[in-house]
């Protein structure tokens, strides 16, 4: 296993309890951000949350509505609304990530650590559905 991946995994597992209290403190420690960087990151996140939160609020009732509908046309229309909202949210989140990467991460080490975390998270998504099955069978 790649040494950097092991370091990231250990850092992640060490900081998970900390993240429950202040997620930005965990991000600051893992990426070794100085106070200025951490404050800027918090500000970017707050600015980014402002347009995303209302869109997420719009999604909740639409998902509930899907369970109640039986008309295929209405179901299709709601699916299209959900897709459009998800695309808007995804675009806003991508803008926020780009801002974070371009404005906050200053050293190569910070950039490499962040890139490693993102790679690890993408690969972990592939397995998150099957992990409970392996646990149930006592294989993990």
Protein backbone atom coordinates (compact mmCIF):
# COMPACT_ATOMS: atom_id res chain seq x y z
CA UNK A 1 0.00 0.00 0.00
CA UNK A 2 1.21 3.49 -0.83
CA UNK A 3 2.91 5.19 2.16
CA UNK A 4 1.02 8.44 1.57
CA UNK A 5 -2.31 6.59 1.54
CA UNK A 6 -1.45 4.94 4.86
CA UNK A 7 -0.56 8.32 6.39
CA UNK A 8 -3.83 9.78 5.12
CA UNK A 9 -5.83 6.86 6.46
CA UNK A 10 -4.20 7.07 9.90
CA UNK A 11 -4.74 10.84 10.00
CA UNK A 12 -8.36 10.39 8.95
CA UNK A 13 -9.08 7.71 11.55
CA UNK A 14 -7.34 9.74 14.24
CA UNK A 15 -9.31 12.87 13.46
CA UNK A 16 -12.79 11.38 12.92
CA UNK A 17 -13.87 12.02 16.53
CA UNK A 18 -12.53 15.57 16.28
CA UNK A 19 -14.51 16.17 13.09
CA UNK A 20 -17.73 15.54 14.99
CA UNK A 21 -17.08 18.69 17.01
CA UNK A 22 -15.49 21.05 14.48
CA UNK A 23 -14.98 19.65 11.00
CA UNK A 24 -12.81 22.61 10.00
CA UNK A 25 -10.40 21.89 12.83
CA UNK A 26 -9.95 18.38 11.45
CA UNK A 27 -9.41 19.75 7.93
CA UNK A 28 -6.92 22.26 9.32
CA UNK A 29 -4.93 19.55 11.07
CA UNK A 30 -4.92 17.04 8.23
CA UNK A 31 -3.96 19.62 5.60
CA UNK A 32 -1.72 21.54 8.02
CA UNK A 33 -3.42 24.86 7.29
CA UNK A 34 -2.29 27.93 9.17
CA UNK A 35 -4.87 30.06 11.01
CA UNK A 36 -5.26 32.44 8.07
CA UNK A 37 -5.89 29.58 5.64
CA UNK A 38 -8.35 27.95 8.04
CA UNK A 39 -10.30 31.20 8.46
CA UNK A 40 -10.38 31.77 4.70
CA UNK A 41 -11.60 28.18 4.19
CA UNK A 42 -14.42 28.72 6.68
CA UNK A 43 -15.43 31.92 4.90
CA UNK A 44 -15.45 30.21 1.50
CA UNK A 45 -17.57 27.41 2.93
CA UNK A 46 -20.07 29.86 4.44
CA UNK A 47 -20.35 31.76 1.15
CA UNK A 48 -20.82 28.49 -0.72
CA UNK A 49 -23.45 27.14 1.66
CA UNK A 50 -25.69 30.18 1.10
CA UNK A 51 -26.88 29.20 -2.43
CA UNK A 52 -26.63 25.43 -1.86
CA UNK A 53 -28.79 25.15 1.27
CA UNK A 54 -32.03 26.43 -0.34
CA UNK A 55 -31.57 24.04 -3.27
CA UNK A 56 -31.12 21.13 -0.86
CA UNK A 57 -34.30 22.21 0.95
CA UNK A 58 -36.16 22.06 -2.38
CA UNK A 59 -34.97 18.48 -2.91
CA UNK A 60 -36.42 17.02 0.29
CA UNK A 61 -40.12 17.43 -0.51
CA UNK A 62 -39.58 16.34 -4.11
CA UNK A 63 -38.04 13.05 -2.96
CA UNK A 64 -40.96 12.52 -0.62
CA UNK A 65 -43.40 13.34 -3.41
CA UNK A 66 -41.90 10.59 -5.57
CA UNK A 67 -43.07 7.97 -3.07
CA UNK A 68 -46.64 9.28 -3.25
CA UNK A 69 -47.04 9.66 -7.00
CA UNK A 70 -48.41 6.98 -9.29
CA UNK A 71 -48.80 8.93 -12.55
CA UNK A 72 -45.78 8.15 -14.76
CA UNK A 73 -45.78 11.65 -16.29
CA UNK A 74 -45.78 13.33 -12.88
CA UNK A 75 -43.05 10.96 -11.67
CA UNK A 76 -40.95 11.81 -14.72
CA UNK A 77 -41.41 15.53 -14.17
CA UNK A 78 -40.36 15.24 -10.52
CA UNK A 79 -37.32 13.17 -11.53
CA UNK A 80 -36.35 15.92 -13.97
CA UNK A 81 -36.71 18.58 -11.25
CA UNK A 82 -34.57 16.49 -8.91
CA UNK A 83 -31.94 15.99 -11.61
CA UNK A 84 -31.84 19.72 -12.36
CA UNK A 85 -31.46 20.60 -8.67
CA UNK A 86 -28.73 17.98 -8.23
CA UNK A 87 -26.88 19.40 -11.23
CA UNK A 88 -27.11 22.93 -9.84
CA UNK A 89 -25.88 21.75 -6.44
CA UNK A 90 -23.05 19.77 -8.04
CA UNK A 91 -21.92 22.78 -10.09
CA UNK A 92 -21.93 25.01 -7.00
CA UNK A 93 -20.02 22.40 -4.99
CA UNK A 94 -17.43 22.09 -7.75
CA UNK A 95 -16.97 25.88 -7.76
CA UNK A 96 -16.44 25.76 -3.99
CA UNK A 97 -13.88 22.95 -4.28
CA UNK A 98 -12.02 24.87 -6.96
CA UNK A 99 -12.02 27.99 -4.79
CA UNK A 100 -10.73 25.96 -1.85
CA UNK A 101 -7.98 24.36 -3.93
CA UNK A 102 -6.92 27.59 -5.66
CA UNK A 103 -7.20 30.07 -2.79
CA UNK A 104 -6.45 28.03 0.34
CA UNK A 105 -3.97 25.30 -0.51
CA UNK A 106 -0.60 27.01 -0.88
CA UNK A 107 2.02 24.28 -0.54
CA UNK A 108 2.56 21.25 -2.74
CA UNK A 109 2.25 19.03 0.34
CA UNK A 110 -1.20 20.46 1.12
CA UNK A 111 -2.29 19.99 -2.49
CA UNK A 112 -0.99 16.41 -2.61
CA UNK A 113 -2.64 15.51 0.70
CA UNK A 114 -5.97 16.94 -0.43
CA UNK A 115 -5.73 15.17 -3.80
CA UNK A 116 -4.97 11.91 -1.99
CA UNK A 117 -7.99 12.31 0.26
CA UNK A 118 -10.23 12.96 -2.75
CA UNK A 119 -8.83 9.88 -4.58
CA UNK A 120 -9.32 7.74 -1.49
CA UNK A 121 -12.90 9.00 -1.03
CA UNK A 122 -13.79 8.26 -4.66
CA UNK A 123 -12.45 4.72 -4.38
CA UNK A 124 -14.19 4.20 -1.03
CA UNK A 125 -17.57 5.06 -2.61
CA UNK A 126 -17.26 1.97 -4.79
CA UNK A 127 -17.16 -0.25 -1.71
CA UNK A 128 -19.52 1.49 0.69
CA UNK A 129 -22.54 -0.58 -0.40
CA UNK A 130 -20.83 -3.94 0.04
CA UNK A 131 -19.00 -3.27 3.31
CA UNK A 132 -22.10 -3.99 5.48
CA UNK A 133 -22.49 -7.35 3.73
CA UNK A 134 -18.88 -8.29 4.44
CA UNK A 135 -19.32 -7.20 8.07
CA UNK A 136 -22.52 -9.22 8.40
CA UNK A 137 -20.67 -12.30 7.20
CA UNK A 138 -17.82 -11.61 9.62
CA UNK A 139 -15.35 -11.02 6.82
CA UNK A 140 -14.33 -7.57 8.07
